[in-house]
N, C-alpha and C. Protein backbone atom coordinates (compact mmCIF):
# COMPACT_ATOMS: atom_id res chain seq x y z
N UNK A 1 84.89 105.15 69.78
CA UNK A 1 85.51 103.84 69.89
C UNK A 1 86.89 103.95 70.55
N UNK A 2 87.72 104.87 70.10
CA UNK A 2 89.06 105.02 70.66
C UNK A 2 88.98 105.39 72.14
N UNK A 3 88.02 106.24 72.49
CA UNK A 3 87.86 106.62 73.89
C UNK A 3 87.47 105.41 74.73
N UNK A 4 86.55 104.61 74.25
CA UNK A 4 86.12 103.40 74.97
C UNK A 4 87.29 102.44 75.15
N UNK A 5 88.10 102.27 74.10
CA UNK A 5 89.25 101.38 74.20
C UNK A 5 90.23 101.90 75.24
N UNK A 6 90.47 103.21 75.26
CA UNK A 6 91.35 103.80 76.26
C UNK A 6 90.80 103.55 77.66
N UNK A 7 89.49 103.77 77.84
CA UNK A 7 88.87 103.56 79.14
C UNK A 7 89.01 102.10 79.57
N UNK A 8 88.82 101.17 78.63
CA UNK A 8 88.94 99.75 78.94
C UNK A 8 90.37 99.43 79.37
N UNK A 9 91.34 99.88 78.61
CA UNK A 9 92.74 99.60 78.94
C UNK A 9 93.11 100.21 80.29
N UNK A 10 92.67 101.44 80.53
CA UNK A 10 93.00 102.10 81.79
C UNK A 10 92.32 101.37 82.94
N UNK A 11 91.06 101.01 82.76
CA UNK A 11 90.33 100.28 83.80
C UNK A 11 90.94 98.91 84.04
N UNK A 12 91.33 98.24 82.99
CA UNK A 12 91.92 96.90 83.10
C UNK A 12 93.24 96.97 83.84
N UNK A 13 93.98 98.05 83.66
CA UNK A 13 95.28 98.17 84.31
C UNK A 13 95.15 98.27 85.84
N UNK A 14 93.96 98.57 86.33
CA UNK A 14 93.73 98.59 87.78
C UNK A 14 94.05 97.24 88.41
N UNK A 15 93.88 96.18 87.64
CA UNK A 15 94.05 94.83 88.15
C UNK A 15 95.43 94.26 87.87
N UNK A 16 96.35 95.08 87.38
CA UNK A 16 97.70 94.61 87.05
C UNK A 16 98.37 94.01 88.28
N UNK A 17 99.14 92.99 88.05
CA UNK A 17 99.89 92.36 89.14
C UNK A 17 99.04 91.47 90.02
N UNK A 18 97.84 91.12 89.56
CA UNK A 18 96.99 90.21 90.32
C UNK A 18 96.29 90.86 91.50
N UNK A 19 96.27 92.19 91.54
CA UNK A 19 95.63 92.90 92.65
C UNK A 19 94.13 92.60 92.68
N UNK A 20 93.58 92.57 93.88
CA UNK A 20 92.16 92.37 94.09
C UNK A 20 91.54 93.69 94.51
N UNK A 21 90.42 94.03 93.90
CA UNK A 21 89.75 95.29 94.22
C UNK A 21 88.26 95.07 94.48
N UNK A 22 87.71 95.86 95.38
CA UNK A 22 86.27 95.82 95.61
C UNK A 22 85.57 96.69 94.57
N UNK A 23 84.28 96.52 94.47
CA UNK A 23 83.48 97.33 93.56
C UNK A 23 83.68 98.81 93.89
N UNK A 24 83.64 99.14 95.17
CA UNK A 24 83.81 100.53 95.59
C UNK A 24 85.14 101.11 95.19
N UNK A 25 86.21 100.31 95.31
CA UNK A 25 87.54 100.78 94.93
C UNK A 25 87.63 101.03 93.44
N UNK A 26 87.05 100.14 92.65
CA UNK A 26 87.05 100.32 91.19
C UNK A 26 86.27 101.58 90.82
N UNK A 27 85.10 101.74 91.43
CA UNK A 27 84.28 102.91 91.14
C UNK A 27 85.02 104.20 91.48
N UNK A 28 85.66 104.21 92.63
CA UNK A 28 86.38 105.41 93.06
C UNK A 28 87.54 105.72 92.11
N UNK A 29 88.31 104.72 91.77
CA UNK A 29 89.49 104.94 90.91
C UNK A 29 89.11 105.34 89.49
N UNK A 30 87.95 104.86 89.01
CA UNK A 30 87.53 105.20 87.65
C UNK A 30 86.61 106.42 87.62
N UNK A 31 86.17 106.87 88.79
CA UNK A 31 85.29 108.02 88.84
C UNK A 31 83.90 107.73 88.29
N UNK A 32 83.41 106.53 88.58
CA UNK A 32 82.07 106.14 88.12
C UNK A 32 81.24 105.71 89.32
N UNK A 33 79.94 105.58 89.11
CA UNK A 33 79.04 105.15 90.18
C UNK A 33 79.30 103.69 90.54
N UNK A 34 79.07 103.35 91.80
CA UNK A 34 79.27 101.96 92.23
C UNK A 34 78.37 101.00 91.46
N UNK A 35 77.15 101.43 91.18
CA UNK A 35 76.24 100.54 90.45
C UNK A 35 76.77 100.26 89.04
N UNK A 36 77.36 101.26 88.41
CA UNK A 36 77.95 101.08 87.07
C UNK A 36 79.15 100.14 87.15
N UNK A 37 80.02 100.36 88.14
CA UNK A 37 81.18 99.49 88.32
C UNK A 37 80.74 98.06 88.57
N UNK A 38 79.74 97.88 89.42
CA UNK A 38 79.25 96.56 89.74
C UNK A 38 78.73 95.84 88.50
N UNK A 39 77.96 96.55 87.69
CA UNK A 39 77.42 95.95 86.46
C UNK A 39 78.53 95.56 85.49
N UNK A 40 79.51 96.44 85.31
CA UNK A 40 80.60 96.16 84.38
C UNK A 40 81.49 95.02 84.88
N UNK A 41 81.77 95.01 86.17
CA UNK A 41 82.58 93.93 86.73
C UNK A 41 81.86 92.59 86.63
N UNK A 42 80.55 92.60 86.84
CA UNK A 42 79.77 91.36 86.72
C UNK A 42 79.82 90.84 85.28
N UNK A 43 79.77 91.73 84.31
CA UNK A 43 79.88 91.31 82.90
C UNK A 43 81.25 90.68 82.61
N UNK A 44 82.29 91.30 83.13
CA UNK A 44 83.64 90.75 82.93
C UNK A 44 83.80 89.41 83.65
N UNK A 45 83.15 89.26 84.79
CA UNK A 45 83.18 87.98 85.50
C UNK A 45 82.44 86.91 84.71
N UNK A 46 81.25 87.24 84.24
CA UNK A 46 80.48 86.27 83.44
C UNK A 46 81.21 85.92 82.15
N UNK A 47 81.99 86.85 81.63
CA UNK A 47 82.77 86.61 80.42
C UNK A 47 84.04 85.81 80.69
N UNK A 48 84.32 85.52 81.94
CA UNK A 48 85.46 84.70 82.28
C UNK A 48 86.77 85.46 82.44
N UNK A 49 86.71 86.77 82.48
CA UNK A 49 87.94 87.55 82.60
C UNK A 49 88.30 87.87 84.04
N UNK A 50 87.31 87.89 84.92
CA UNK A 50 87.54 88.19 86.33
C UNK A 50 87.00 87.06 87.20
N UNK A 51 87.59 86.93 88.37
CA UNK A 51 87.12 86.02 89.42
C UNK A 51 86.64 86.91 90.56
N UNK A 52 85.57 86.50 91.20
CA UNK A 52 85.09 87.29 92.34
C UNK A 52 85.00 86.40 93.58
N UNK A 53 85.09 87.07 94.72
CA UNK A 53 84.86 86.39 95.99
C UNK A 53 84.16 87.38 96.91
N UNK A 54 83.28 86.85 97.72
CA UNK A 54 82.52 87.70 98.63
C UNK A 54 83.15 87.63 100.01
N UNK A 55 83.28 88.80 100.63
CA UNK A 55 83.82 88.91 101.99
C UNK A 55 82.86 89.83 102.75
N UNK A 56 81.92 89.21 103.43
CA UNK A 56 80.88 90.00 104.10
C UNK A 56 80.01 90.68 103.05
N UNK A 57 79.92 92.00 103.14
CA UNK A 57 79.11 92.77 102.18
C UNK A 57 79.90 93.16 100.94
N UNK A 58 81.20 92.92 100.95
CA UNK A 58 82.05 93.36 99.84
C UNK A 58 82.35 92.22 98.88
N UNK A 59 82.36 92.55 97.59
CA UNK A 59 82.76 91.61 96.56
C UNK A 59 84.11 92.07 96.03
N UNK A 60 85.07 91.17 96.04
CA UNK A 60 86.42 91.46 95.56
C UNK A 60 86.61 90.80 94.19
N UNK A 61 87.23 91.52 93.28
CA UNK A 61 87.47 91.02 91.93
C UNK A 61 88.96 91.00 91.64
N UNK A 62 89.37 90.01 90.84
CA UNK A 62 90.74 89.96 90.34
C UNK A 62 90.71 89.27 88.98
N UNK A 63 91.77 89.45 88.22
CA UNK A 63 91.86 88.86 86.89
C UNK A 63 92.00 87.35 87.01
N UNK A 64 91.30 86.63 86.16
CA UNK A 64 91.45 85.17 86.05
C UNK A 64 92.53 84.93 85.01
N UNK A 65 93.79 85.06 85.43
CA UNK A 65 94.93 85.01 84.50
C UNK A 65 94.97 83.77 83.62
N UNK A 66 94.80 82.57 84.17
CA UNK A 66 94.84 81.39 83.29
C UNK A 66 93.76 81.43 82.22
N UNK A 67 92.58 81.88 82.59
CA UNK A 67 91.48 81.92 81.62
C UNK A 67 91.73 83.00 80.56
N UNK A 68 92.27 84.14 80.96
CA UNK A 68 92.58 85.20 80.01
C UNK A 68 93.66 84.72 79.05
N UNK A 69 94.71 84.08 79.58
CA UNK A 69 95.77 83.56 78.72
C UNK A 69 95.23 82.53 77.73
N UNK A 70 94.35 81.66 78.19
CA UNK A 70 93.75 80.66 77.32
C UNK A 70 92.93 81.33 76.22
N UNK A 71 92.15 82.32 76.58
CA UNK A 71 91.32 83.04 75.59
C UNK A 71 92.19 83.74 74.55
N UNK A 72 93.29 84.36 75.00
CA UNK A 72 94.18 85.03 74.06
C UNK A 72 94.87 84.04 73.13
N UNK A 73 95.25 82.89 73.64
CA UNK A 73 95.85 81.84 72.81
C UNK A 73 94.86 81.36 71.76
N UNK A 74 93.62 81.13 72.17
CA UNK A 74 92.58 80.70 71.24
C UNK A 74 92.33 81.77 70.17
N UNK A 75 92.34 83.03 70.57
CA UNK A 75 92.14 84.12 69.62
C UNK A 75 93.29 84.18 68.61
N UNK A 76 94.52 84.03 69.09
CA UNK A 76 95.68 84.05 68.19
C UNK A 76 95.61 82.89 67.20
N UNK A 77 95.23 81.72 67.67
CA UNK A 77 95.10 80.55 66.80
C UNK A 77 94.03 80.81 65.74
N UNK A 78 92.92 81.34 66.15
CA UNK A 78 91.83 81.64 65.22
C UNK A 78 92.29 82.66 64.18
N UNK A 79 92.94 83.71 64.61
CA UNK A 79 93.37 84.75 63.67
C UNK A 79 94.41 84.23 62.68
N UNK A 80 95.30 83.35 63.12
CA UNK A 80 96.27 82.74 62.20
C UNK A 80 95.57 81.91 61.14
N UNK A 81 94.47 81.26 61.53
CA UNK A 81 93.73 80.39 60.61
C UNK A 81 92.88 81.20 59.64
N UNK A 82 92.14 82.13 60.16
CA UNK A 82 91.21 82.89 59.32
C UNK A 82 91.86 84.02 58.55
N UNK A 83 92.88 84.62 59.14
CA UNK A 83 93.45 85.84 58.57
C UNK A 83 94.98 85.80 58.61
N UNK A 84 95.59 84.84 57.88
CA UNK A 84 97.05 84.75 57.95
C UNK A 84 97.72 86.02 57.45
N UNK A 85 98.90 86.34 58.00
CA UNK A 85 99.61 87.54 57.54
C UNK A 85 99.93 87.42 56.05
N UNK A 86 99.87 88.53 55.39
CA UNK A 86 100.12 88.54 53.92
C UNK A 86 101.58 88.36 53.60
């Protein structure tokens, strides 16, 4: 679990500053297969965390900042309601 969380944080940091990356660039930087990167990026896009755009044969991904901020706000509200600090 800790390793997966580290991998997620490290992978997520690739998109810091609103940078846009292709599937190939993500795969190269993470040292994974392009098909794996494509599948994972598609999941994050369907989950509303990334936005994609197609440019010829390449798909570019970037963080959907407003949607991520909204999701984090909703999560904080939920946690305050269900699990208030002691």
